[in-house]
């Protein structure tokens, strides 16, 4: 586990970014899911 610093989700054969969370709790979202996904 210490060898990784982000975890996230993709869809559509791994081509479309959905969301991720970076060490420290910073989150990022694709515009298409903002406000709906957490």
ModelCIF file with pLDDT and N, C-alpha, C, O atoms, coordinates in Angstrom:
data_MODEL
#
_entry.id   MODEL 
#
_entity.id                         1 
_entity.type                       polymer 
_entity.pdbx_number_of_molecules   1 
#
_entity_poly.entity_id                      1 
_entity_poly.type                           'polypeptide(L)' 
_entity_poly.nstd_linkage                   no 
_entity_poly.nstd_monomer                   no 
_entity_poly.pdbx_seq_one_letter_code       
;(UNK)(UNK)(UNK)(UNK)(UNK)(UNK)(UNK)(UNK)(UNK)(UNK)(UNK)(UNK)(UNK)(UNK)(UNK)(UNK)
(UNK)(UNK)(UNK)(UNK)(UNK)(UNK)(UNK)(UNK)(UNK)(UNK)(UNK)(UNK)(UNK)(UNK)(UNK)(UNK)
(UNK)(UNK)(UNK)(UNK)(UNK)(UNK)
;
_entity_poly.pdbx_seq_one_letter_code_can   XXXXXXXXXXXXXXXXXXXXXXXXXXXXXXXXXXXXXX 
_entity_poly.pdbx_strand_id                 A 
#
loop_
_entity_poly_seq.entity_id 
_entity_poly_seq.num 
_entity_poly_seq.mon_id 
_entity_poly_seq.hetero 
1 1  UNK n 
1 2  UNK n 
1 3  UNK n 
1 4  UNK n 
1 5  UNK n 
1 6  UNK n 
1 7  UNK n 
1 8  UNK n 
1 9  UNK n 
1 10 UNK n 
1 11 UNK n 
1 12 UNK n 
1 13 UNK n 
1 14 UNK n 
1 15 UNK n 
1 16 UNK n 
1 17 UNK n 
1 18 UNK n 
1 19 UNK n 
1 20 UNK n 
1 21 UNK n 
1 22 UNK n 
1 23 UNK n 
1 24 UNK n 
1 25 UNK n 
1 26 UNK n 
1 27 UNK n 
1 28 UNK n 
1 29 UNK n 
1 30 UNK n 
1 31 UNK n 
1 32 UNK n 
1 33 UNK n 
1 34 UNK n 
1 35 UNK n 
1 36 UNK n 
1 37 UNK n 
1 38 UNK n 
#
_struct_asym.id          A 
_struct_asym.entity_id   1 
#
loop_
_ma_qa_metric.id 
_ma_qa_metric.mode 
_ma_qa_metric.name 
_ma_qa_metric.software_group_id 
_ma_qa_metric.type 
1 global pLDDT . pLDDT 
2 local  pLDDT . pLDDT 
#
_ma_qa_metric_global.metric_id      1 
_ma_qa_metric_global.metric_value   91.97 
_ma_qa_metric_global.model_id       1 
_ma_qa_metric_global.ordinal_id     1 
#
loop_
_ma_qa_metric_local.label_asym_id 
_ma_qa_metric_local.label_comp_id 
_ma_qa_metric_local.label_seq_id 
_ma_qa_metric_local.metric_id 
_ma_qa_metric_local.metric_value 
_ma_qa_metric_local.model_id 
_ma_qa_metric_local.ordinal_id 
A UNK 1  2 79.00 1 1  
A UNK 2  2 81.00 1 2  
A UNK 3  2 85.00 1 3  
A UNK 4  2 87.00 1 4  
A UNK 5  2 90.00 1 5  
A UNK 6  2 93.00 1 6  
A UNK 7  2 94.00 1 7  
A UNK 8  2 95.00 1 8  
A UNK 9  2 97.00 1 9  
A UNK 10 2 96.00 1 10 
A UNK 11 2 96.00 1 11 
A UNK 12 2 86.00 1 12 
A UNK 13 2 74.00 1 13 
A UNK 14 2 73.00 1 14 
A UNK 15 2 86.00 1 15 
A UNK 16 2 95.00 1 16 
A UNK 17 2 97.00 1 17 
A UNK 18 2 98.00 1 18 
A UNK 19 2 98.00 1 19 
A UNK 20 2 96.00 1 20 
A UNK 21 2 96.00 1 21 
A UNK 22 2 92.00 1 22 
A UNK 23 2 80.00 1 23 
A UNK 24 2 79.00 1 24 
A UNK 25 2 88.00 1 25 
A UNK 26 2 95.00 1 26 
A UNK 27 2 97.00 1 27 
A UNK 28 2 97.00 1 28 
A UNK 29 2 98.00 1 29 
A UNK 30 2 97.00 1 30 
A UNK 31 2 97.00 1 31 
A UNK 32 2 96.00 1 32 
A UNK 33 2 98.00 1 33 
A UNK 34 2 98.00 1 34 
A UNK 35 2 97.00 1 35 
A UNK 36 2 98.00 1 36 
A UNK 37 2 98.00 1 37 
A UNK 38 2 98.00 1 38 
#
loop_
_atom_site.group_PDB 
_atom_site.id 
_atom_site.type_symbol 
_atom_site.label_atom_id 
_atom_site.label_alt_id 
_atom_site.label_comp_id 
_atom_site.label_asym_id 
_atom_site.label_entity_id 
_atom_site.label_seq_id 
_atom_site.pdbx_PDB_ins_code 
_atom_site.Cartn_x 
_atom_site.Cartn_y 
_atom_site.Cartn_z 
_atom_site.occupancy 
_atom_site.B_iso_or_equiv 
_atom_site.pdbx_formal_charge 
_atom_site.auth_seq_id 
_atom_site.auth_comp_id 
_atom_site.auth_asym_id 
_atom_site.auth_atom_id 
_atom_site.pdbx_PDB_model_num 
ATOM 1   N N  . UNK A 1 1  ? 0.815   -1.222 0.000   1.00 79.00 ? 1  UNK A N  1 
ATOM 2   C CA . UNK A 1 1  ? 0.000   0.000  0.000   1.00 79.00 ? 1  UNK A CA 1 
ATOM 3   C C  . UNK A 1 1  ? 0.849   1.272  0.000   1.00 79.00 ? 1  UNK A C  1 
ATOM 4   O O  . UNK A 1 1  ? 0.492   2.216  -0.705  1.00 79.00 ? 1  UNK A O  1 
ATOM 5   N N  . UNK A 1 2  ? 1.939   1.351  0.743   1.00 81.00 ? 2  UNK A N  1 
ATOM 6   C CA . UNK A 1 2  ? 2.721   2.604  0.740   1.00 81.00 ? 2  UNK A CA 1 
ATOM 7   C C  . UNK A 1 2  ? 3.279   2.978  -0.627  1.00 81.00 ? 2  UNK A C  1 
ATOM 8   O O  . UNK A 1 2  ? 3.738   4.105  -0.813  1.00 81.00 ? 2  UNK A O  1 
ATOM 9   N N  . UNK A 1 3  ? 3.251   2.060  -1.582  1.00 85.00 ? 3  UNK A N  1 
ATOM 10  C CA . UNK A 1 3  ? 3.804   2.366  -2.907  1.00 85.00 ? 3  UNK A CA 1 
ATOM 11  C C  . UNK A 1 3  ? 2.825   3.112  -3.800  1.00 85.00 ? 3  UNK A C  1 
ATOM 12  O O  . UNK A 1 3  ? 3.177   3.469  -4.924  1.00 85.00 ? 3  UNK A O  1 
ATOM 13  N N  . UNK A 1 4  ? 1.603   3.359  -3.332  1.00 87.00 ? 4  UNK A N  1 
ATOM 14  C CA . UNK A 1 4  ? 0.617   4.079  -4.130  1.00 87.00 ? 4  UNK A CA 1 
ATOM 15  C C  . UNK A 1 4  ? 0.204   5.358  -3.412  1.00 87.00 ? 4  UNK A C  1 
ATOM 16  O O  . UNK A 1 4  ? 0.212   5.418  -2.183  1.00 87.00 ? 4  UNK A O  1 
ATOM 17  N N  . UNK A 1 5  ? -0.158  6.387  -4.190  1.00 90.00 ? 5  UNK A N  1 
ATOM 18  C CA . UNK A 1 5  ? -0.567  7.639  -3.562  1.00 90.00 ? 5  UNK A CA 1 
ATOM 19  C C  . UNK A 1 5  ? -1.874  8.195  -4.112  1.00 90.00 ? 5  UNK A C  1 
ATOM 20  O O  . UNK A 1 5  ? -2.341  9.236  -3.650  1.00 90.00 ? 5  UNK A O  1 
ATOM 21  N N  . UNK A 1 6  ? -2.467  7.524  -5.083  1.00 93.00 ? 6  UNK A N  1 
ATOM 22  C CA . UNK A 1 6  ? -3.792  7.916  -5.564  1.00 93.00 ? 6  UNK A CA 1 
ATOM 23  C C  . UNK A 1 6  ? -4.607  6.665  -5.829  1.00 93.00 ? 6  UNK A C  1 
ATOM 24  O O  . UNK A 1 6  ? -4.070  5.608  -6.163  1.00 93.00 ? 6  UNK A O  1 
ATOM 25  N N  . UNK A 1 7  ? -5.909  6.807  -5.674  1.00 94.00 ? 7  UNK A N  1 
ATOM 26  C CA . UNK A 1 7  ? -6.821  5.742  -6.099  1.00 94.00 ? 7  UNK A CA 1 
ATOM 27  C C  . UNK A 1 7  ? -8.002  6.396  -6.769  1.00 94.00 ? 7  UNK A C  1 
ATOM 28  O O  . UNK A 1 7  ? -8.432  7.482  -6.380  1.00 94.00 ? 7  UNK A O  1 
ATOM 29  N N  . UNK A 1 8  ? -8.521  5.735  -7.773  1.00 95.00 ? 8  UNK A N  1 
ATOM 30  C CA . UNK A 1 8  ? -9.618  6.346  -8.503  1.00 95.00 ? 8  UNK A CA 1 
ATOM 31  C C  . UNK A 1 8  ? -10.382 5.366  -9.352  1.00 95.00 ? 8  UNK A C  1 
ATOM 32  O O  . UNK A 1 8  ? -10.180 4.154  -9.274  1.00 95.00 ? 8  UNK A O  1 
ATOM 33  N N  . UNK A 1 9  ? -11.262 5.910  -10.164 1.00 97.00 ? 9  UNK A N  1 
ATOM 34  C CA . UNK A 1 9  ? -12.153 5.122  -10.996 1.00 97.00 ? 9  UNK A CA 1 
ATOM 35  C C  . UNK A 1 9  ? -12.132 5.642  -12.432 1.00 97.00 ? 9  UNK A C  1 
ATOM 36  O O  . UNK A 1 9  ? -12.093 6.847  -12.683 1.00 97.00 ? 9  UNK A O  1 
ATOM 37  N N  . UNK A 1 10 ? -12.159 4.701  -13.354 1.00 96.00 ? 10 UNK A N  1 
ATOM 38  C CA . UNK A 1 10 ? -12.269 4.975  -14.779 1.00 96.00 ? 10 UNK A CA 1 
ATOM 39  C C  . UNK A 1 10 ? -13.394 4.101  -15.312 1.00 96.00 ? 10 UNK A C  1 
ATOM 40  O O  . UNK A 1 10 ? -13.823 3.149  -14.659 1.00 96.00 ? 10 UNK A O  1 
ATOM 41  N N  . UNK A 1 11 ? -13.862 4.437  -16.503 1.00 96.00 ? 11 UNK A N  1 
ATOM 42  C CA . UNK A 1 11 ? -14.857 3.597  -17.161 1.00 96.00 ? 11 UNK A CA 1 
ATOM 43  C C  . UNK A 1 11 ? -14.595 3.575  -18.655 1.00 96.00 ? 11 UNK A C  1 
ATOM 44  O O  . UNK A 1 11 ? -13.702 4.262  -19.149 1.00 96.00 ? 11 UNK A O  1 
ATOM 45  N N  . UNK A 1 12 ? -15.372 2.788  -19.363 1.00 86.00 ? 12 UNK A N  1 
ATOM 46  C CA . UNK A 1 12 ? -15.242 2.653  -20.818 1.00 86.00 ? 12 UNK A CA 1 
ATOM 47  C C  . UNK A 1 12 ? -13.846 2.162  -21.201 1.00 86.00 ? 12 UNK A C  1 
ATOM 48  O O  . UNK A 1 12 ? -13.055 2.891  -21.799 1.00 86.00 ? 12 UNK A O  1 
ATOM 49  N N  . UNK A 1 13 ? -13.568 0.920  -20.843 1.00 74.00 ? 13 UNK A N  1 
ATOM 50  C CA . UNK A 1 13 ? -12.287 0.307  -21.184 1.00 74.00 ? 13 UNK A CA 1 
ATOM 51  C C  . UNK A 1 13 ? -11.113 1.140  -20.682 1.00 74.00 ? 13 UNK A C  1 
ATOM 52  O O  . UNK A 1 13 ? -10.086 1.242  -21.354 1.00 74.00 ? 13 UNK A O  1 
ATOM 53  N N  . UNK A 1 14 ? -11.264 1.724  -19.525 1.00 73.00 ? 14 UNK A N  1 
ATOM 54  C CA . UNK A 1 14 ? -10.199 2.466  -18.867 1.00 73.00 ? 14 UNK A CA 1 
ATOM 55  C C  . UNK A 1 14 ? -9.851  3.769  -19.566 1.00 73.00 ? 14 UNK A C  1 
ATOM 56  O O  . UNK A 1 14 ? -8.833  4.384  -19.249 1.00 73.00 ? 14 UNK A O  1 
ATOM 57  N N  . UNK A 1 15 ? -10.675 4.198  -20.507 1.00 86.00 ? 15 UNK A N  1 
ATOM 58  C CA . UNK A 1 15 ? -10.334 5.399  -21.258 1.00 86.00 ? 15 UNK A CA 1 
ATOM 59  C C  . UNK A 1 15 ? -10.908 6.674  -20.660 1.00 86.00 ? 15 UNK A C  1 
ATOM 60  O O  . UNK A 1 15 ? -10.367 7.755  -20.892 1.00 86.00 ? 15 UNK A O  1 
ATOM 61  N N  . UNK A 1 16 ? -11.981 6.573  -19.901 1.00 95.00 ? 16 UNK A N  1 
ATOM 62  C CA . UNK A 1 16 ? -12.643 7.765  -19.380 1.00 95.00 ? 16 UNK A CA 1 
ATOM 63  C C  . UNK A 1 16 ? -12.428 7.894  -17.877 1.00 95.00 ? 16 UNK A C  1 
ATOM 64  O O  . UNK A 1 16 ? -12.836 7.033  -17.098 1.00 95.00 ? 16 UNK A O  1 
ATOM 65  N N  . UNK A 1 17 ? -11.789 8.974  -17.492 1.00 97.00 ? 17 UNK A N  1 
ATOM 66  C CA . UNK A 1 17 ? -11.587 9.266  -16.075 1.00 97.00 ? 17 UNK A CA 1 
ATOM 67  C C  . UNK A 1 17 ? -12.931 9.597  -15.432 1.00 97.00 ? 17 UNK A C  1 
ATOM 68  O O  . UNK A 1 17 ? -13.752 10.302 -16.018 1.00 97.00 ? 17 UNK A O  1 
ATOM 69  N N  . UNK A 1 18 ? -13.146 9.084  -14.228 1.00 98.00 ? 18 UNK A N  1 
ATOM 70  C CA . UNK A 1 18 ? -14.378 9.374  -13.491 1.00 98.00 ? 18 UNK A CA 1 
ATOM 71  C C  . UNK A 1 18 ? -14.065 10.216 -12.252 1.00 98.00 ? 18 UNK A C  1 
ATOM 72  O O  . UNK A 1 18 ? -14.594 11.318 -12.098 1.00 98.00 ? 18 UNK A O  1 
ATOM 73  N N  . UNK A 1 19 ? -13.222 9.708  -11.387 1.00 98.00 ? 19 UNK A N  1 
ATOM 74  C CA . UNK A 1 19 ? -12.892 10.423 -10.147 1.00 98.00 ? 19 UNK A CA 1 
ATOM 75  C C  . UNK A 1 19 ? -11.641 9.807  -9.544  1.00 98.00 ? 19 UNK A C  1 
ATOM 76  O O  . UNK A 1 19 ? -11.324 8.643  -9.787  1.00 98.00 ? 19 UNK A O  1 
ATOM 77  N N  . UNK A 1 20 ? -10.929 10.615 -8.748  1.00 96.00 ? 20 UNK A N  1 
ATOM 78  C CA . UNK A 1 20 ? -9.847  10.038 -7.962  1.00 96.00 ? 20 UNK A CA 1 
ATOM 79  C C  . UNK A 1 20 ? -9.691  10.784 -6.653  1.00 96.00 ? 20 UNK A C  1 
ATOM 80  O O  . UNK A 1 20 ? -10.242 11.867 -6.455  1.00 96.00 ? 20 UNK A O  1 
ATOM 81  N N  . UNK A 1 21 ? -8.920  10.170 -5.765  1.00 96.00 ? 21 UNK A N  1 
ATOM 82  C CA . UNK A 1 21 ? -8.630  10.762 -4.464  1.00 96.00 ? 21 UNK A CA 1 
ATOM 83  C C  . UNK A 1 21 ? -7.135  10.602 -4.230  1.00 96.00 ? 21 UNK A C  1 
ATOM 84  O O  . UNK A 1 21 ? -6.570  9.518  -4.372  1.00 96.00 ? 21 UNK A O  1 
ATOM 85  N N  . UNK A 1 22 ? -6.519  11.715 -3.867  1.00 92.00 ? 22 UNK A N  1 
ATOM 86  C CA . UNK A 1 22 ? -5.071  11.761 -3.698  1.00 92.00 ? 22 UNK A CA 1 
ATOM 87  C C  . UNK A 1 22 ? -4.750  11.718 -2.208  1.00 92.00 ? 22 UNK A C  1 
ATOM 88  O O  . UNK A 1 22 ? -5.535  12.186 -1.383  1.00 92.00 ? 22 UNK A O  1 
ATOM 89  N N  . UNK A 1 23 ? -3.599  11.157 -1.870  1.00 80.00 ? 23 UNK A N  1 
ATOM 90  C CA . UNK A 1 23 ? -3.175  11.122 -0.477  1.00 80.00 ? 23 UNK A CA 1 
ATOM 91  C C  . UNK A 1 23 ? -3.343  12.510 0.143   1.00 80.00 ? 23 UNK A C  1 
ATOM 92  O O  . UNK A 1 23 ? -2.858  13.508 -0.391  1.00 80.00 ? 23 UNK A O  1 
ATOM 93  N N  . UNK A 1 24 ? -4.033  12.550 1.271   1.00 79.00 ? 24 UNK A N  1 
ATOM 94  C CA . UNK A 1 24 ? -4.355  13.833 1.882   1.00 79.00 ? 24 UNK A CA 1 
ATOM 95  C C  . UNK A 1 24 ? -5.812  14.184 1.700   1.00 79.00 ? 24 UNK A C  1 
ATOM 96  O O  . UNK A 1 24 ? -6.313  15.123 2.319   1.00 79.00 ? 24 UNK A O  1 
ATOM 97  N N  . UNK A 1 25 ? -6.504  13.425 0.842   1.00 88.00 ? 25 UNK A N  1 
ATOM 98  C CA . UNK A 1 25 ? -7.941  13.583 0.712   1.00 88.00 ? 25 UNK A CA 1 
ATOM 99  C C  . UNK A 1 25 ? -8.423  14.492 -0.397  1.00 88.00 ? 25 UNK A C  1 
ATOM 100 O O  . UNK A 1 25 ? -9.620  14.767 -0.484  1.00 88.00 ? 25 UNK A O  1 
ATOM 101 N N  . UNK A 1 26 ? -7.524  14.968 -1.251  1.00 95.00 ? 26 UNK A N  1 
ATOM 102 C CA . UNK A 1 26 ? -7.949  15.815 -2.367  1.00 95.00 ? 26 UNK A CA 1 
ATOM 103 C C  . UNK A 1 26 ? -8.676  14.960 -3.401  1.00 95.00 ? 26 UNK A C  1 
ATOM 104 O O  . UNK A 1 26 ? -8.196  13.897 -3.793  1.00 95.00 ? 26 UNK A O  1 
ATOM 105 N N  . UNK A 1 27 ? -9.836  15.436 -3.833  1.00 97.00 ? 27 UNK A N  1 
ATOM 106 C CA . UNK A 1 27 ? -10.640 14.680 -4.788  1.00 97.00 ? 27 UNK A CA 1 
ATOM 107 C C  . UNK A 1 27 ? -10.770 15.435 -6.112  1.00 97.00 ? 27 UNK A C  1 
ATOM 108 O O  . UNK A 1 27 ? -10.743 16.665 -6.156  1.00 97.00 ? 27 UNK A O  1 
ATOM 109 N N  . UNK A 1 28 ? -10.911 14.665 -7.176  1.00 97.00 ? 28 UNK A N  1 
ATOM 110 C CA . UNK A 1 28 ? -11.108 15.217 -8.510  1.00 97.00 ? 28 UNK A CA 1 
ATOM 111 C C  . UNK A 1 28 ? -12.218 14.443 -9.201  1.00 97.00 ? 28 UNK A C  1 
ATOM 112 O O  . UNK A 1 28 ? -12.360 13.238 -8.994  1.00 97.00 ? 28 UNK A O  1 
ATOM 113 N N  . UNK A 1 29 ? -13.009 15.131 -10.022 1.00 98.00 ? 29 UNK A N  1 
ATOM 114 C CA . UNK A 1 29 ? -14.128 14.499 -10.704 1.00 98.00 ? 29 UNK A CA 1 
ATOM 115 C C  . UNK A 1 29 ? -14.181 14.932 -12.165 1.00 98.00 ? 29 UNK A C  1 
ATOM 116 O O  . UNK A 1 29 ? -13.808 16.052 -12.515 1.00 98.00 ? 29 UNK A O  1 
ATOM 117 N N  . UNK A 1 30 ? -14.652 14.021 -13.005 1.00 97.00 ? 30 UNK A N  1 
ATOM 118 C CA . UNK A 1 30 ? -14.982 14.404 -14.364 1.00 97.00 ? 30 UNK A CA 1 
ATOM 119 C C  . UNK A 1 30 ? -16.213 15.302 -14.333 1.00 97.00 ? 30 UNK A C  1 
ATOM 120 O O  . UNK A 1 30 ? -17.077 15.146 -13.471 1.00 97.00 ? 30 UNK A O  1 
ATOM 121 N N  . UNK A 1 31 ? -16.291 16.238 -15.270 1.00 97.00 ? 31 UNK A N  1 
ATOM 122 C CA . UNK A 1 31 ? -17.434 17.154 -15.305 1.00 97.00 ? 31 UNK A CA 1 
ATOM 123 C C  . UNK A 1 31 ? -18.755 16.408 -15.421 1.00 97.00 ? 31 UNK A C  1 
ATOM 124 O O  . UNK A 1 31 ? -19.776 16.856 -14.900 1.00 97.00 ? 31 UNK A O  1 
ATOM 125 N N  . UNK A 1 32 ? -18.734 15.280 -16.099 1.00 96.00 ? 32 UNK A N  1 
ATOM 126 C CA . UNK A 1 32 ? -19.962 14.527 -16.350 1.00 96.00 ? 32 UNK A CA 1 
ATOM 127 C C  . UNK A 1 32 ? -20.561 13.906 -15.088 1.00 96.00 ? 32 UNK A C  1 
ATOM 128 O O  . UNK A 1 32 ? -21.729 13.520 -15.086 1.00 96.00 ? 32 UNK A O  1 
ATOM 129 N N  . UNK A 1 33 ? -19.778 13.809 -14.026 1.00 98.00 ? 33 UNK A N  1 
ATOM 130 C CA . UNK A 1 33 ? -20.281 13.165 -12.805 1.00 98.00 ? 33 UNK A CA 1 
ATOM 131 C C  . UNK A 1 33 ? -20.298 14.106 -11.602 1.00 98.00 ? 33 UNK A C  1 
ATOM 132 O O  . UNK A 1 33 ? -20.785 13.728 -10.536 1.00 98.00 ? 33 UNK A O  1 
ATOM 133 N N  . UNK A 1 34 ? -19.780 15.314 -11.751 1.00 98.00 ? 34 UNK A N  1 
ATOM 134 C CA . UNK A 1 34 ? -19.752 16.251 -10.634 1.00 98.00 ? 34 UNK A CA 1 
ATOM 135 C C  . UNK A 1 34 ? -21.147 16.504 -10.098 1.00 98.00 ? 34 UNK A C  1 
ATOM 136 O O  . UNK A 1 34 ? -22.085 16.718 -10.866 1.00 98.00 ? 34 UNK A O  1 
ATOM 137 N N  . UNK A 1 35 ? -21.285 16.479 -8.778  1.00 97.00 ? 35 UNK A N  1 
ATOM 138 C CA . UNK A 1 35 ? -22.567 16.703 -8.154  1.00 97.00 ? 35 UNK A CA 1 
ATOM 139 C C  . UNK A 1 35 ? -23.415 15.451 -8.030  1.00 97.00 ? 35 UNK A C  1 
ATOM 140 O O  . UNK A 1 35 ? -24.423 15.451 -7.324  1.00 97.00 ? 35 UNK A O  1 
ATOM 141 N N  . UNK A 1 36 ? -23.013 14.378 -8.714  1.00 98.00 ? 36 UNK A N  1 
ATOM 142 C CA . UNK A 1 36 ? -23.768 13.118 -8.642  1.00 98.00 ? 36 UNK A CA 1 
ATOM 143 C C  . UNK A 1 36 ? -22.956 12.001 -7.991  1.00 98.00 ? 36 UNK A C  1 
ATOM 144 O O  . UNK A 1 36 ? -23.504 11.172 -7.265  1.00 98.00 ? 36 UNK A O  1 
ATOM 145 N N  . UNK A 1 37 ? -21.669 11.983 -8.247  1.00 98.00 ? 37 UNK A N  1 
ATOM 146 C CA . UNK A 1 37 ? -20.809 10.934 -7.711  1.00 98.00 ? 37 UNK A CA 1 
ATOM 147 C C  . UNK A 1 37 ? -19.926 11.512 -6.602  1.00 98.00 ? 37 UNK A C  1 
ATOM 148 O O  . UNK A 1 37 ? -19.534 12.678 -6.643  1.00 98.00 ? 37 UNK A O  1 
ATOM 149 N N  . UNK A 1 38 ? -19.625 10.673 -5.617  1.00 98.00 ? 38 UNK A N  1 
ATOM 150 C CA . UNK A 1 38 ? -18.729 11.064 -4.538  1.00 98.00 ? 38 UNK A CA 1 
ATOM 151 C C  . UNK A 1 38 ? -17.726 9.956  -4.285  1.00 98.00 ? 38 UNK A C  1 
ATOM 152 O O  . UNK A 1 38 ? -16.872 10.085 -3.408  1.00 98.00 ? 38 UNK A O  1 
#
